[in-house]
């Protein structure tokens, strides 16, 4: 689905990492760990086509990202749901409309009426559907961000520190939702510093742990 082969990335003359290889296979569940500034967010951006590698090859659903036109990248991105740590919303629109925006952008607005209520219930935000984003708690914002990421039924979910700004109880709720998505066949990649979250996940799902440090990616890391 998404493959990085001997990938390098540098900026400002500095090499962030090199010879990095990673495969996001169908139905896999993977965690990405590592110290701050190791390049975890950069690696995620390479996986969803927001950045281009400075070396090696990134393949998005069988296409070489380096040769993909902008429209091709946009089409590939529709198969990837991204959850950012600092999730941004349009503050003048109700939560329900913010969640439905990706369908409108994709020209699939008609699908929202059938899926939105069910999705809001799934993330536990039915009561907040008509609230504005500034009225939500941190945990509610993260659940709204997850709902927005999956409303287009993507094949891959990529989450960057999705539990970084919430308490442990809410972290567990978000993890449960991500595990459910994986059991539905979705590929999941989560960047996190939270080792307890990873340990909790490994009691529920077969998860591979990756560690990015010193420009190298280790796989199958033991906790």
Protein backbone atom coordinates (compact mmCIF):
# COMPACT_ATOMS: atom_id res chain seq x y z
CA UNK A 1 0.00 0.00 0.00
CA UNK A 2 2.60 2.52 1.16
CA UNK A 3 6.28 1.62 0.89
CA UNK A 4 9.46 3.53 1.60
CA UNK A 5 12.62 2.03 0.11
CA UNK A 6 16.07 3.35 1.11
CA UNK A 7 14.49 6.75 1.67
CA UNK A 8 16.49 9.80 2.70
CA UNK A 9 15.26 13.23 3.71
CA UNK A 10 17.27 16.37 4.26
CA UNK A 11 16.56 20.07 4.56
CA UNK A 12 18.72 23.12 4.98
CA UNK A 13 21.75 21.02 4.18
CA UNK A 14 21.16 18.73 7.14
CA UNK A 15 20.30 15.05 6.70
CA UNK A 16 17.41 13.97 8.91
CA UNK A 17 17.53 10.30 8.00
CA UNK A 18 18.84 8.00 5.29
CA UNK A 19 18.44 4.42 3.98
CA UNK A 20 15.06 4.17 5.67
CA UNK A 21 12.77 1.31 4.63
CA UNK A 22 9.17 0.85 5.77
CA UNK A 23 6.11 -0.99 4.48
CA UNK A 24 2.53 -0.26 5.55
CA UNK A 25 0.85 -3.48 4.51
CA UNK A 26 -2.92 -4.06 4.40
CA UNK A 27 -4.40 -4.54 7.86
CA UNK A 28 -1.18 -3.87 9.76
CA UNK A 29 -1.02 -1.89 13.02
CA UNK A 30 2.24 -0.08 13.71
CA UNK A 31 3.56 2.39 16.25
CA UNK A 32 6.34 4.88 15.49
CA UNK A 33 8.40 6.01 18.48
CA UNK A 34 11.62 7.92 18.98
CA UNK A 35 13.02 11.04 20.64
CA UNK A 36 11.79 14.52 19.82
CA UNK A 37 13.25 15.96 16.61
CA UNK A 38 14.12 12.49 15.32
CA UNK A 39 11.89 13.10 12.29
CA UNK A 40 8.73 11.17 13.15
CA UNK A 41 6.35 13.80 11.77
CA UNK A 42 8.49 14.13 8.64
CA UNK A 43 8.32 10.38 8.14
CA UNK A 44 4.55 10.44 8.46
CA UNK A 45 4.33 13.27 5.92
CA UNK A 46 6.35 11.19 3.46
CA UNK A 47 3.85 8.36 3.99
CA UNK A 48 0.88 10.51 3.03
CA UNK A 49 2.51 12.50 0.26
CA UNK A 50 2.81 15.84 2.02
CA UNK A 51 6.59 15.80 1.54
CA UNK A 52 8.82 14.27 -1.12
CA UNK A 53 11.89 12.26 -0.24
CA UNK A 54 15.29 13.65 -1.18
CA UNK A 55 16.55 10.13 -1.84
CA UNK A 56 15.23 6.62 -2.34
CA UNK A 57 11.68 5.75 -3.37
CA UNK A 58 8.26 6.30 -1.81
CA UNK A 59 5.43 4.28 -3.32
CA UNK A 60 1.81 5.27 -2.69
CA UNK A 61 -0.57 2.49 -3.69
CA UNK A 62 1.78 1.25 -6.38
CA UNK A 63 2.78 4.65 -7.78
CA UNK A 64 6.16 6.33 -7.39
CA UNK A 65 5.45 9.49 -5.38
CA UNK A 66 8.33 11.31 -7.09
CA UNK A 67 6.62 11.06 -10.48
CA UNK A 68 3.03 11.60 -9.37
CA UNK A 69 1.25 14.73 -10.56
CA UNK A 70 -0.50 16.89 -7.99
CA UNK A 71 -3.89 15.43 -8.91
CA UNK A 72 -2.53 11.90 -8.53
CA UNK A 73 -1.22 12.72 -5.06
CA UNK A 74 -4.61 14.22 -4.17
CA UNK A 75 -6.35 11.03 -5.27
CA UNK A 76 -3.96 8.90 -3.23
CA UNK A 77 -4.51 11.14 -0.21
CA UNK A 78 -8.21 10.32 -0.34
CA UNK A 79 -7.28 6.77 0.61
CA UNK A 80 -5.37 8.01 3.69
CA UNK A 81 -6.97 9.48 6.79
CA UNK A 82 -4.65 11.73 8.80
CA UNK A 83 -5.10 12.74 12.45
CA UNK A 84 -2.83 15.57 13.58
CA UNK A 85 -1.88 16.24 17.19
CA UNK A 86 -2.93 19.88 16.86
CA UNK A 87 -6.13 19.30 14.92
CA UNK A 88 -7.49 22.35 13.13
CA UNK A 89 -11.16 23.05 12.40
CA UNK A 90 -13.21 25.82 10.83
CA UNK A 91 -14.42 27.48 14.01
CA UNK A 92 -17.51 29.06 12.43
CA UNK A 93 -18.92 25.69 11.34
CA UNK A 94 -20.60 23.14 13.65
CA UNK A 95 -18.68 19.97 14.47
CA UNK A 96 -20.86 17.85 12.17
CA UNK A 97 -20.11 20.09 9.18
CA UNK A 98 -16.38 20.09 9.96
CA UNK A 99 -16.37 16.29 10.01
CA UNK A 100 -18.23 16.13 6.70
CA UNK A 101 -15.87 18.53 4.89
CA UNK A 102 -13.62 15.84 3.33
CA UNK A 103 -16.66 14.35 1.57
CA UNK A 104 -17.57 17.75 0.16
CA UNK A 105 -14.01 18.32 -1.06
CA UNK A 106 -14.09 14.89 -2.72
CA UNK A 107 -17.41 15.67 -4.42
CA UNK A 108 -19.22 13.08 -2.30
CA UNK A 109 -21.36 15.37 -0.14
CA UNK A 110 -24.45 13.21 -0.73
CA UNK A 111 -22.84 10.42 1.30
CA UNK A 112 -22.68 12.57 4.43
CA UNK A 113 -26.37 12.33 5.25
CA UNK A 114 -26.21 8.56 5.49
CA UNK A 115 -22.92 8.22 7.34
CA UNK A 116 -22.57 11.25 9.57
CA UNK A 117 -25.01 10.37 12.36
CA UNK A 118 -23.57 6.87 12.66
CA UNK A 119 -20.01 8.21 12.71
CA UNK A 120 -20.83 10.82 15.35
CA UNK A 121 -22.34 8.12 17.53
CA UNK A 122 -19.29 5.89 17.01
CA UNK A 123 -16.92 8.56 18.36
CA UNK A 124 -19.38 9.59 21.08
CA UNK A 125 -20.10 13.08 19.76
CA UNK A 126 -23.79 12.91 18.86
CA UNK A 127 -24.63 15.47 21.56
CA UNK A 128 -21.91 17.83 20.30
CA UNK A 129 -22.88 17.69 16.60
CA UNK A 130 -24.10 21.30 16.45
CA UNK A 131 -21.51 22.78 18.79
CA UNK A 132 -18.71 24.93 17.41
CA UNK A 133 -15.14 23.59 17.68
CA UNK A 134 -14.04 26.11 20.34
CA UNK A 135 -16.71 24.66 22.64
CA UNK A 136 -15.17 21.18 22.57
CA UNK A 137 -12.77 19.71 25.14
CA UNK A 138 -9.37 18.41 24.04
CA UNK A 139 -10.61 14.83 23.97
CA UNK A 140 -13.71 15.78 22.00
CA UNK A 141 -11.56 17.61 19.44
CA UNK A 142 -9.37 14.54 18.97
CA UNK A 143 -12.40 12.29 18.49
CA UNK A 144 -13.81 14.79 16.00
CA UNK A 145 -10.46 14.77 14.18
CA UNK A 146 -10.57 10.98 14.00
CA UNK A 147 -14.13 11.04 12.68
CA UNK A 148 -13.13 13.57 10.01
CA UNK A 149 -10.15 11.41 9.04
CA UNK A 150 -12.24 8.26 8.50
CA UNK A 151 -15.45 9.68 7.01
CA UNK A 152 -14.21 8.94 3.48
CA UNK A 153 -13.54 5.29 4.42
CA UNK A 154 -9.78 5.46 3.79
CA UNK A 155 -7.60 2.36 3.58
CA UNK A 156 -4.90 3.79 5.85
CA UNK A 157 -5.12 5.81 9.08
CA UNK A 158 -2.03 7.83 10.06
CA UNK A 159 -2.12 9.55 13.45
CA UNK A 160 0.56 11.90 14.78
CA UNK A 161 0.55 11.89 18.61
CA UNK A 162 -3.26 11.59 18.71
CA UNK A 163 -3.27 11.21 22.50
CA UNK A 164 -0.59 13.77 23.28
CA UNK A 165 -2.99 16.40 24.64
CA UNK A 166 -5.53 14.23 26.47
CA UNK A 167 -5.68 12.31 29.74
CA UNK A 168 -5.20 8.55 30.09
CA UNK A 169 -8.92 7.75 30.07
CA UNK A 170 -9.42 9.61 26.81
CA UNK A 171 -6.26 8.03 25.40
CA UNK A 172 -7.86 4.65 26.01
CA UNK A 173 -11.07 5.70 24.26
CA UNK A 174 -9.13 6.88 21.22
CA UNK A 175 -7.05 3.70 21.20
CA UNK A 176 -10.22 1.60 21.29
CA UNK A 177 -11.53 3.42 18.21
CA UNK A 178 -8.25 2.92 16.35
CA UNK A 179 -8.16 -0.78 17.24
CA UNK A 180 -11.75 -1.12 15.98
CA UNK A 181 -10.72 0.47 12.68
CA UNK A 182 -7.84 -1.99 12.39
CA UNK A 183 -10.19 -4.92 13.03
CA UNK A 184 -12.30 -3.60 10.14
CA UNK A 185 -9.25 -4.07 7.92
CA UNK A 186 -7.76 -0.59 8.03
CA UNK A 187 -4.00 -0.12 8.15
CA UNK A 188 -3.00 2.01 11.16
CA UNK A 189 0.25 3.90 11.84
CA UNK A 190 0.49 5.91 15.06
CA UNK A 191 3.41 8.12 16.12
CA UNK A 192 3.57 8.41 19.90
CA UNK A 193 5.87 8.95 22.87
CA UNK A 194 3.48 7.08 25.16
CA UNK A 195 4.91 3.65 25.92
CA UNK A 196 1.96 2.83 28.18
CA UNK A 197 -0.38 3.39 25.25
CA UNK A 198 1.65 0.97 23.15
CA UNK A 199 1.62 -1.65 25.91
CA UNK A 200 -2.15 -1.27 26.23
CA UNK A 201 -2.58 -1.66 22.47
CA UNK A 202 -0.47 -4.80 22.32
CA UNK A 203 -2.95 -6.53 24.66
CA UNK A 204 -5.67 -5.92 22.07
CA UNK A 205 -3.99 -6.15 18.68
CA UNK A 206 -0.84 -7.49 17.05
CA UNK A 207 1.18 -4.28 16.76
CA UNK A 208 4.67 -3.73 15.42
CA UNK A 209 6.79 -1.08 17.15
CA UNK A 210 9.19 1.06 15.11
CA UNK A 211 11.82 3.37 16.56
CA UNK A 212 13.33 6.30 14.69
CA UNK A 213 16.58 7.47 16.23
CA UNK A 214 19.83 8.88 14.92
CA UNK A 215 18.58 8.81 11.33
CA UNK A 216 17.82 5.07 11.42
CA UNK A 217 14.56 3.14 11.71
CA UNK A 218 14.48 0.03 13.90
CA UNK A 219 11.63 -2.43 13.47
CA UNK A 220 10.20 -5.00 15.87
CA UNK A 221 11.30 -3.00 18.90
CA UNK A 222 10.70 -4.76 22.23
CA UNK A 223 9.25 -2.68 25.04
